[in-house]
């Protein structure tokens, strides 16, 4: 074939058509990952709504709750050995009888408060205060009728101080475990006061006067918290909670818009 014929044959060949370029399809797993992140964001936002969040153990306790836990624990740490001393050293048969019973009941109450603290993740004292140790030393050095009088006086005053705190915490706590402990402690303390009063040795004129708070006042709880010297749970402003919620919701909404737009 002549060269010109070869060139004509090449010219007449049908040209190859290039397929149009297409964008690579998005992997379903990548989109599912974005949806998962969106759902996690929304759930986190709902978790900070007031009244919806579930606090971890110990986080929802305030100063008043901790005052009750510490007060009940401290009462047992010094009144159990005081009752045991009364059972052994008391001059009056009645003092010996109620000493043994108060020691026994405080053993039960102490276990209740330890169980409650373990459930709530709270830390309790492990020994009496310096003042309570002084009362135990005073009882240790006393004998006869003087021992009976000191025993009844010290315990009756101590029970009178914790009694209104129990009522104040019972009326205001938001924790079911603390509320149950307050109910149980109230029964024990009320019974102990009645037992101590049955000895006829309570000097009513020497008892501290009742400090009744004015209406709508939580001064009893505040005073109890101050005397205990324990910090409560951190209180977060509702405004801050809502700001966090709205920010999280905005983030989730923007992510939703981007997913729908690309779909």
Protein backbone atom coordinates (compact mmCIF):
# COMPACT_ATOMS: atom_id res chain seq x y z
CA UNK A 1 0.00 0.00 0.00
CA UNK A 2 1.16 3.47 -0.84
CA UNK A 3 2.10 5.84 2.00
CA UNK A 4 -0.74 8.17 1.16
CA UNK A 5 -3.20 5.28 1.41
CA UNK A 6 -1.83 4.34 4.86
CA UNK A 7 -2.32 7.90 6.07
CA UNK A 8 -5.90 7.88 4.78
CA UNK A 9 -6.62 4.62 6.61
CA UNK A 10 -5.36 6.06 9.89
CA UNK A 11 -7.47 9.17 9.41
CA UNK A 12 -10.60 7.14 8.79
CA UNK A 13 -10.18 5.08 12.03
CA UNK A 14 -12.87 5.93 14.65
CA UNK A 15 -11.39 7.96 17.53
CA UNK A 16 -11.60 6.56 21.11
CA UNK A 17 -14.04 8.45 23.35
CA UNK A 18 -12.78 9.20 26.95
CA UNK A 19 -15.27 8.41 29.70
CA UNK A 20 -16.30 11.43 31.75
CA UNK A 21 -14.71 11.74 35.21
CA UNK A 22 -16.96 11.07 38.19
CA UNK A 23 -16.38 11.88 41.81
CA UNK A 24 -15.55 8.91 43.97
CA UNK A 25 -18.61 7.77 45.95
CA UNK A 26 -18.49 8.51 49.66
CA UNK A 27 -17.99 5.44 51.74
CA UNK A 28 -21.04 4.56 53.84
CA UNK A 29 -18.78 3.99 56.81
CA UNK A 30 -17.52 7.58 56.65
CA UNK A 31 -21.06 8.95 56.71
CA UNK A 32 -22.05 6.57 59.52
CA UNK A 33 -19.09 7.87 61.50
CA UNK A 34 -20.34 11.44 61.14
CA UNK A 35 -23.85 10.44 62.22
CA UNK A 36 -22.43 8.65 65.25
CA UNK A 37 -20.48 11.75 66.26
CA UNK A 38 -23.65 13.82 65.91
CA UNK A 39 -25.64 11.47 68.13
CA UNK A 40 -22.91 11.48 70.77
CA UNK A 41 -22.89 15.28 70.75
CA UNK A 42 -26.67 15.48 71.18
CA UNK A 43 -26.68 12.91 73.99
CA UNK A 44 -23.92 14.83 75.76
CA UNK A 45 -25.97 18.00 75.42
CA UNK A 46 -29.03 16.34 76.92
CA UNK A 47 -26.89 15.01 79.75
CA UNK A 48 -26.22 18.50 81.09
CA UNK A 49 -29.83 19.60 81.15
CA UNK A 50 -31.06 20.53 84.65
CA UNK A 51 -32.99 17.65 86.16
CA UNK A 52 -31.73 15.14 83.58
CA UNK A 53 -28.12 14.53 84.55
CA UNK A 54 -27.37 11.58 86.83
CA UNK A 55 -24.64 12.49 89.27
CA UNK A 56 -21.93 10.04 90.20
CA UNK A 57 -21.81 8.88 93.83
CA UNK A 58 -20.80 11.66 96.16
CA UNK A 59 -21.29 14.52 93.65
CA UNK A 60 -24.81 15.44 94.69
CA UNK A 61 -24.01 15.74 98.41
CA UNK A 62 -23.97 19.22 99.90
CA UNK A 63 -22.54 20.54 103.15
CA UNK A 64 -25.68 19.69 105.13
CA UNK A 65 -25.66 16.09 103.91
CA UNK A 66 -22.02 15.69 104.89
CA UNK A 67 -22.72 17.30 108.26
CA UNK A 68 -25.25 14.58 109.02
CA UNK A 69 -22.95 11.78 107.88
CA UNK A 70 -20.02 13.13 109.88
CA UNK A 71 -22.16 13.96 112.92
CA UNK A 72 -23.67 10.48 113.14
CA UNK A 73 -20.28 8.87 112.68
CA UNK A 74 -18.58 11.05 115.30
CA UNK A 75 -21.41 10.40 117.76
CA UNK A 76 -20.79 6.68 117.51
CA UNK A 77 -17.02 7.02 117.83
CA UNK A 78 -17.27 8.54 121.31
CA UNK A 79 -20.67 7.43 122.61
CA UNK A 80 -19.98 3.72 122.08
CA UNK A 81 -16.97 3.74 124.45
CA UNK A 82 -18.84 6.12 126.78
CA UNK A 83 -21.76 3.69 126.98
CA UNK A 84 -19.41 0.80 127.60
CA UNK A 85 -17.79 2.72 130.46
CA UNK A 86 -21.25 3.45 131.90
CA UNK A 87 -22.15 -0.23 131.73
CA UNK A 88 -19.05 -1.04 133.78
CA UNK A 89 -18.57 2.00 136.04
CA UNK A 90 -22.06 3.38 136.53
CA UNK A 91 -23.18 3.63 140.15
CA UNK A 92 -26.88 3.49 139.34
CA UNK A 93 -28.29 0.25 137.87
CA UNK A 94 -30.30 2.41 135.45
CA UNK A 95 -27.15 4.18 134.23
CA UNK A 96 -25.43 0.84 133.72
CA UNK A 97 -28.47 -0.47 131.84
CA UNK A 98 -28.86 2.46 129.46
CA UNK A 99 -25.09 2.71 128.99
CA UNK A 100 -25.00 -0.82 127.64
CA UNK A 101 -28.06 -0.20 125.44
CA UNK A 102 -26.77 3.08 124.01
CA UNK A 103 -23.43 1.45 123.19
CA UNK A 104 -25.23 -1.42 121.45
CA UNK A 105 -27.54 0.85 119.46
CA UNK A 106 -24.69 3.11 118.39
CA UNK A 107 -22.96 0.04 117.00
CA UNK A 108 -26.00 -0.55 114.77
CA UNK A 109 -26.25 3.13 113.79
CA UNK A 110 -22.53 3.30 113.05
CA UNK A 111 -22.86 0.44 110.59
CA UNK A 112 -25.77 2.21 108.91
CA UNK A 113 -23.79 5.41 108.39
CA UNK A 114 -20.75 3.50 107.14
CA UNK A 115 -22.95 1.67 104.62
CA UNK A 116 -24.49 4.96 103.49
CA UNK A 117 -21.08 6.62 103.10
CA UNK A 118 -19.76 3.68 101.08
CA UNK A 119 -22.78 3.88 98.80
CA UNK A 120 -22.32 7.62 98.30
CA UNK A 121 -18.54 7.56 97.98
CA UNK A 122 -18.12 9.80 101.04
CA UNK A 123 -15.20 9.74 103.49
CA UNK A 124 -16.01 9.55 107.20
CA UNK A 125 -13.96 10.39 110.30
CA UNK A 126 -12.06 7.53 111.89
CA UNK A 127 -11.62 8.91 115.41
CA UNK A 128 -13.45 11.28 117.78
CA UNK A 129 -12.74 15.00 117.80
CA UNK A 130 -10.38 16.50 120.37
CA UNK A 131 -13.38 17.74 122.36
CA UNK A 132 -14.99 14.29 122.37
CA UNK A 133 -11.72 12.71 123.48
CA UNK A 134 -11.72 15.17 126.36
CA UNK A 135 -15.21 14.02 127.38
CA UNK A 136 -14.06 10.40 127.35
CA UNK A 137 -11.07 11.31 129.51
CA UNK A 138 -13.41 13.12 131.90
CA UNK A 139 -15.56 10.00 132.21
CA UNK A 140 -12.52 7.79 132.65
CA UNK A 141 -11.36 9.85 135.62
CA UNK A 142 -14.79 10.05 137.30
CA UNK A 143 -16.35 7.54 139.67
CA UNK A 144 -19.58 6.93 141.59
CA UNK A 145 -22.40 9.46 141.43
CA UNK A 146 -20.17 12.01 139.71
CA UNK A 147 -19.59 9.60 136.84
CA UNK A 148 -23.34 9.06 136.44
CA UNK A 149 -23.98 12.79 136.34
CA UNK A 150 -21.24 13.50 133.82
CA UNK A 151 -22.34 10.62 131.63
CA UNK A 152 -25.98 11.71 131.49
CA UNK A 153 -25.17 15.40 131.08
CA UNK A 154 -22.61 14.99 128.32
CA UNK A 155 -24.67 12.57 126.27
CA UNK A 156 -27.94 14.47 126.69
CA UNK A 157 -26.37 17.74 125.52
CA UNK A 158 -24.70 16.01 122.57
CA UNK A 159 -27.95 14.36 121.49
CA UNK A 160 -29.77 17.66 121.80
CA UNK A 161 -27.31 19.29 119.40
CA UNK A 162 -27.53 16.66 116.66
CA UNK A 163 -31.30 16.23 116.92
CA UNK A 164 -32.31 19.49 115.10
CA UNK A 165 -29.61 18.93 112.48
CA UNK A 166 -31.16 15.55 111.63
CA UNK A 167 -34.55 17.19 111.17
CA UNK A 168 -33.18 20.01 109.01
CA UNK A 169 -31.29 17.64 106.73
CA UNK A 170 -34.26 15.27 106.54
CA UNK A 171 -36.48 18.14 105.41
CA UNK A 172 -34.14 19.49 102.72
CA UNK A 173 -31.84 16.77 101.37
CA UNK A 174 -32.24 15.70 97.77
CA UNK A 175 -30.46 12.39 98.27
CA UNK A 176 -32.56 9.30 99.05
CA UNK A 177 -29.74 7.57 100.94
CA UNK A 178 -29.19 10.58 103.21
CA UNK A 179 -32.94 10.88 103.74
CA UNK A 180 -33.17 7.25 104.85
CA UNK A 181 -30.19 7.67 107.19
CA UNK A 182 -31.83 10.76 108.72
CA UNK A 183 -35.00 8.76 109.41
CA UNK A 184 -33.01 6.01 111.09
CA UNK A 185 -30.80 8.38 113.09
CA UNK A 186 -33.86 10.31 114.27
CA UNK A 187 -35.30 7.18 115.89
CA UNK A 188 -32.06 6.30 117.66
CA UNK A 189 -31.38 9.82 118.95
CA UNK A 190 -34.95 10.27 120.17
CA UNK A 191 -34.79 6.95 122.04
CA UNK A 192 -31.42 7.83 123.57
CA UNK A 193 -32.69 11.16 124.88
CA UNK A 194 -35.68 9.43 126.44
CA UNK A 195 -33.43 6.84 128.09
CA UNK A 196 -31.07 9.47 129.48
CA UNK A 197 -34.01 11.51 130.80
CA UNK A 198 -35.41 8.42 132.53
CA UNK A 199 -32.45 8.49 134.96
CA UNK A 200 -33.75 11.69 136.57
CA UNK A 201 -30.26 13.20 136.27
CA UNK A 202 -30.88 15.63 133.41
CA UNK A 203 -30.33 19.20 134.58
CA UNK A 204 -32.84 20.97 132.39
CA UNK A 205 -31.78 24.47 133.39
CA UNK A 206 -28.25 23.78 132.14
CA UNK A 207 -29.28 22.61 128.68
CA UNK A 208 -28.55 25.12 125.91
CA UNK A 209 -31.68 26.97 124.73
CA UNK A 210 -33.23 26.00 121.43
CA UNK A 211 -32.15 28.25 118.57
CA UNK A 212 -35.22 28.24 116.35
CA UNK A 213 -34.61 29.78 112.92
CA UNK A 214 -37.04 32.30 111.45
CA UNK A 215 -39.51 31.18 108.81
CA UNK A 216 -37.97 30.20 105.45
CA UNK A 217 -34.48 30.17 106.94
CA UNK A 218 -31.90 27.42 106.64
CA UNK A 219 -29.69 28.84 109.39
CA UNK A 220 -29.71 25.53 111.26
CA UNK A 221 -28.23 23.76 108.28
CA UNK A 222 -25.77 26.61 107.68
CA UNK A 223 -24.68 26.54 111.30
CA UNK A 224 -24.30 22.78 111.19
CA UNK A 225 -22.21 23.00 108.03
CA UNK A 226 -19.99 25.71 109.53
CA UNK A 227 -19.42 23.75 112.74
CA UNK A 228 -18.57 20.61 110.81
CA UNK A 229 -15.99 22.40 108.69
CA UNK A 230 -16.62 20.19 105.68
CA UNK A 231 -17.05 21.31 102.12
CA UNK A 232 -20.09 20.30 100.13
CA UNK A 233 -20.63 19.46 96.53
CA UNK A 234 -19.86 22.07 93.88
CA UNK A 235 -23.00 23.97 92.91
CA UNK A 236 -23.24 24.94 89.23
CA UNK A 237 -25.38 27.86 88.12
CA UNK A 238 -28.41 26.93 86.03
CA UNK A 239 -27.44 29.68 83.59
CA UNK A 240 -24.07 28.04 82.99
CA UNK A 241 -25.74 24.67 82.46
CA UNK A 242 -28.09 26.13 79.86
CA UNK A 243 -25.23 27.90 78.06
CA UNK A 244 -23.33 24.63 77.79
CA UNK A 245 -26.47 22.91 76.56
CA UNK A 246 -27.15 25.54 73.89
CA UNK A 247 -23.54 25.44 72.71
CA UNK A 248 -23.66 21.65 72.38
CA UNK A 249 -27.01 21.83 70.63
CA UNK A 250 -25.66 24.42 68.18
CA UNK A 251 -22.69 22.19 67.40
CA UNK A 252 -25.00 19.26 66.79
CA UNK A 253 -27.28 21.33 64.56
CA UNK A 254 -24.37 22.56 62.44
CA UNK A 255 -23.10 19.01 62.03
CA UNK A 256 -26.58 17.90 60.98
CA UNK A 257 -26.76 20.69 58.39
CA UNK A 258 -23.41 19.66 56.89
CA UNK A 259 -24.38 16.00 56.69
CA UNK A 260 -27.72 16.74 55.00
CA UNK A 261 -26.09 19.24 52.63
CA UNK A 262 -23.47 16.75 51.47
CA UNK A 263 -26.01 13.96 51.17
